[in-house]
Amino acid sequence: MKSSKAVFLLVALVCAALLGVAMYLQIVEEMQPCPLCVIQRYMFVLVGAFALLGALMPEAARRGSAGLGLLAALGGAGTAIWHLYVKAHPGVSCTTDPLETALNQLPTVKLWPQMFTADGFCSAPWPPVWGLQIPTWSLIWFGVLALVLAVQLFKRAPRTTIWK
């Protein structure tokens, strides 16, 4: 197995594990996801999907998947930063705007309601997980994934072509 293929598979596996942690926190710890949490879940799904696609593509075509995954990771990081801002400023809310309604109308909510239904409050004071708020953990992981995908995107191009 080529090293970049293994990296893409590892990124996809990390995203799947993080989504599993989100489901654990929701089902076992009864932490209901807010709209910003759900957007971060979508971003982890996108990063993982692009990484899986990159692992399945020929070596020369993996840059596109790395670039799209990087964009999704940066979008997730931005969402996590906004979520941290909302938690730091309780007067700001994310549940009084049309975001929750729009998210809950997406087709993915009907396919997997537990994962993608937004019904929590962004400023809810959940206890820290290992000393950090959940959006902080998301930001850290989006940063790690973005760094890994940026390395894949900007590393030296392979000498082979897509059309052999």
Protein backbone atom coordinates (compact mmCIF):
# COMPACT_ATOMS: atom_id res chain seq x y z
CA MET A 1 0.00 0.00 0.00
CA LYS A 2 1.35 3.41 -0.93
CA SER A 3 1.97 5.79 1.94
CA SER A 4 -0.43 8.48 0.70
CA LYS A 5 -3.19 5.89 0.39
CA ALA A 6 -2.59 4.91 4.01
CA VAL A 7 -2.72 8.57 5.06
CA PHE A 8 -6.07 9.08 3.32
CA LEU A 9 -7.45 5.91 4.91
CA LEU A 10 -6.24 7.07 8.32
CA VAL A 11 -7.95 10.46 7.85
CA ALA A 12 -11.20 8.69 6.92
CA LEU A 13 -10.87 6.39 9.94
CA VAL A 14 -10.26 9.35 12.29
CA CYS A 15 -13.37 11.10 10.94
CA ALA A 16 -15.46 7.96 11.44
CA ALA A 17 -14.13 7.61 15.00
CA LEU A 18 -14.93 11.25 15.79
CA LEU A 19 -18.47 10.78 14.49
CA GLY A 20 -18.70 7.71 16.72
CA VAL A 21 -17.65 9.82 19.71
CA ALA A 22 -20.34 12.35 18.77
CA MET A 23 -22.96 9.60 18.76
CA TYR A 24 -21.69 8.31 22.12
CA LEU A 25 -21.95 11.78 23.66
CA GLN A 26 -25.45 12.17 22.25
CA ILE A 27 -26.89 8.75 23.12
CA VAL A 28 -25.03 7.73 26.28
CA GLU A 29 -24.20 11.12 27.82
CA GLU A 30 -27.47 12.65 26.52
CA MET A 31 -25.80 15.74 25.05
CA GLN A 32 -28.17 16.93 22.33
CA PRO A 33 -26.41 18.43 19.29
CA CYS A 34 -27.01 22.07 18.43
CA PRO A 35 -27.02 23.41 14.86
CA LEU A 36 -23.31 24.26 15.03
CA CYS A 37 -22.55 20.74 16.32
CA VAL A 38 -24.46 19.27 13.39
CA ILE A 39 -22.61 21.47 10.89
CA GLN A 40 -19.33 20.21 12.38
CA ARG A 41 -20.61 16.65 11.97
CA TYR A 42 -21.34 17.35 8.31
CA MET A 43 -17.81 18.71 7.91
CA PHE A 44 -16.31 15.57 9.47
CA VAL A 45 -18.44 13.49 7.08
CA LEU A 46 -17.17 15.54 4.13
CA VAL A 47 -13.53 15.33 5.21
CA GLY A 48 -13.87 11.57 5.69
CA ALA A 49 -15.67 11.09 2.37
CA PHE A 50 -13.06 13.08 0.45
CA ALA A 51 -10.29 11.16 2.21
CA LEU A 52 -11.90 7.83 1.36
CA LEU A 53 -12.32 8.97 -2.23
CA GLY A 54 -8.66 9.98 -2.26
CA ALA A 55 -7.62 6.56 -1.00
CA LEU A 56 -9.56 4.90 -3.82
CA MET A 57 -8.25 7.18 -6.58
CA PRO A 58 -5.01 6.74 -8.50
CA GLU A 59 -1.98 8.42 -6.95
CA ALA A 60 -1.95 11.27 -9.47
CA ALA A 61 -5.58 12.20 -8.79
CA ARG A 62 -5.39 12.38 -5.00
CA ARG A 63 -4.59 16.09 -4.89
CA GLY A 64 -8.18 16.98 -5.75
CA SER A 65 -9.49 14.94 -2.83
CA ALA A 66 -6.88 16.45 -0.54
CA GLY A 67 -7.89 19.96 -1.61
CA LEU A 68 -11.60 19.34 -1.14
CA GLY A 69 -11.00 17.64 2.20
CA LEU A 70 -8.81 20.57 3.26
CA LEU A 71 -11.60 23.02 2.40
CA ALA A 72 -14.09 20.95 4.43
CA ALA A 73 -11.66 20.81 7.38
CA LEU A 74 -11.17 24.58 7.25
CA GLY A 75 -14.95 25.05 7.10
CA GLY A 76 -15.31 22.80 10.13
CA ALA A 77 -12.59 24.72 11.97
CA GLY A 78 -14.38 27.99 11.23
CA THR A 79 -17.63 26.53 12.54
CA ALA A 80 -15.88 25.31 15.70
CA ILE A 81 -14.38 28.78 16.24
CA TRP A 82 -17.83 30.36 15.89
CA HIS A 83 -19.22 27.75 18.31
CA LEU A 84 -16.56 28.66 20.86
CA TYR A 85 -17.47 32.33 20.42
CA VAL A 86 -21.13 31.52 21.06
CA LYS A 87 -20.21 29.57 24.20
CA ALA A 88 -18.03 32.45 25.43
CA HIS A 89 -20.79 35.01 24.79
CA PRO A 90 -24.03 33.46 26.11
CA GLY A 91 -26.11 36.35 24.75
CA VAL A 92 -25.34 35.11 21.23
CA SER A 93 -27.52 32.18 20.24
CA CYS A 94 -27.70 29.87 17.27
CA THR A 95 -31.15 28.42 17.89
CA THR A 96 -33.30 31.49 17.28
CA ASP A 97 -32.35 31.82 13.64
CA PRO A 98 -33.44 29.76 10.62
CA LEU A 99 -30.25 27.67 10.74
CA GLU A 100 -31.81 24.93 12.89
CA THR A 101 -34.92 24.75 10.70
CA ALA A 102 -32.85 24.63 7.52
CA LEU A 103 -30.56 21.90 8.89
CA ASN A 104 -33.49 19.80 10.05
CA GLN A 105 -35.03 19.93 6.55
CA LEU A 106 -32.01 18.38 4.79
CA PRO A 107 -32.52 14.88 3.33
CA THR A 108 -29.74 13.45 5.51
CA VAL A 109 -31.92 14.09 8.58
CA LYS A 110 -34.47 11.62 7.24
CA LEU A 111 -31.74 9.09 6.42
CA TRP A 112 -30.02 9.28 9.81
CA PRO A 113 -31.99 11.46 12.24
CA GLN A 114 -29.87 10.66 15.30
CA MET A 115 -26.73 11.94 13.61
CA PHE A 116 -28.04 15.01 11.82
CA THR A 117 -31.02 16.40 13.78
CA ALA A 118 -30.18 19.67 15.51
CA ASP A 119 -32.21 20.04 18.69
CA GLY A 120 -29.78 21.32 21.32
CA PHE A 121 -28.60 24.75 22.40
CA CYS A 122 -25.19 26.02 21.26
CA SER A 123 -24.56 27.80 24.54
CA ALA A 124 -25.52 24.79 26.70
CA PRO A 125 -23.00 24.44 29.55
CA TRP A 126 -21.88 20.84 28.96
CA PRO A 127 -19.09 19.58 31.20
CA PRO A 128 -15.62 19.58 29.65
CA VAL A 129 -14.24 16.38 28.15
CA TRP A 130 -10.67 15.87 29.41
CA GLY A 131 -10.54 19.52 30.38
CA LEU A 132 -11.70 20.99 27.05
CA GLN A 133 -15.07 21.98 25.64
CA ILE A 134 -16.35 19.81 22.78
CA PRO A 135 -15.98 22.59 20.15
CA THR A 136 -12.35 22.96 21.26
CA TRP A 137 -11.78 19.28 20.58
CA SER A 138 -13.45 19.69 17.18
CA LEU A 139 -11.19 22.64 16.39
CA ILE A 140 -8.09 20.65 17.36
CA TRP A 141 -9.11 17.70 15.20
CA PHE A 142 -10.09 19.90 12.25
CA GLY A 143 -6.66 21.54 12.58
CA VAL A 144 -4.86 18.19 12.61
CA LEU A 145 -6.87 16.91 9.64
CA ALA A 146 -6.32 20.17 7.73
CA LEU A 147 -2.57 19.94 8.33
CA VAL A 148 -2.41 16.32 7.15
CA LEU A 149 -4.47 17.09 4.04
CA ALA A 150 -2.41 20.22 3.30
CA VAL A 151 0.75 18.11 3.36
CA GLN A 152 -0.89 15.67 0.94
CA LEU A 153 -2.04 18.53 -1.28
CA PHE A 154 1.29 20.34 -1.49
CA LYS A 155 3.72 17.43 -1.53
CA ARG A 156 5.66 16.81 -4.71
CA ALA A 157 3.50 15.47 -7.51
CA PRO A 158 3.97 11.84 -8.54
CA ARG A 159 5.56 11.17 -11.91
CA THR A 160 2.74 9.00 -13.19
CA THR A 161 -0.36 10.30 -14.88
CA ILE A 162 -3.98 9.51 -14.35
CA TRP A 163 -4.29 8.06 -17.87
CA LYS A 164 -1.98 5.08 -18.16
